[in-house]
């Protein structure tokens, strides 16, 4: 049995990944949840904590799935720690190319407190080294409903927090856009099915099924 570790996003904890965990278990994976202090700790600290967590995870293949900031924690892990065991990675709405909503929120002192220490530490230039080590797929949402619209005007399609273009970066093995919102993707059967397909095949549409 292959193991999948789910990594939550900003202002959340591992329990928000429960629906995705349940569906991935039905697809035949062993699934574990990783929780971390997304606001109070910086990106390198959280990546190091994930590395220690993975050292205790069973399985010859260990896949990683990260939502939003969780995806950036995973990429930082791949860049700095390079886990030895093989496995694929799926990012869900992760702002790998920057985040206009977070930048807008950070204009105010209370906004900077909400954004926390990890997200501002991410540099899009770090993605190349991380993506060179693993097959990484991205699922983005284009159902533009969310709190991000209260602090900024999004350029182009978005999921309410992150634009589709902010999820694109050279080196991704595959990229899929679905009609879901930023938080809604965590309870979407279509997203869960896409994650399972990529973990099995390295593509969101398996060979022989077109796309």
Foldseek 3Di string as FASTA:
>chain_A
DEEEEEEEAAPDFQVLLVLLCVLVVVVPYHYHYDGDHQAADALLVLLVVVVVVVVPDDDQAYEYEYAALGVVSLLSNLQPPNDDGHFAYEYELHQLQDWPLLVLLVVDPVSSSRNHHYRVVHDSVSNVSSLVRHAYEYEFEQQQDADSVVRDDDDAGHQVTGHQVSRDDPNHLYYHYDHHHRSRLSNDPLNSLQVSCCRVAVYSQHPPRDD
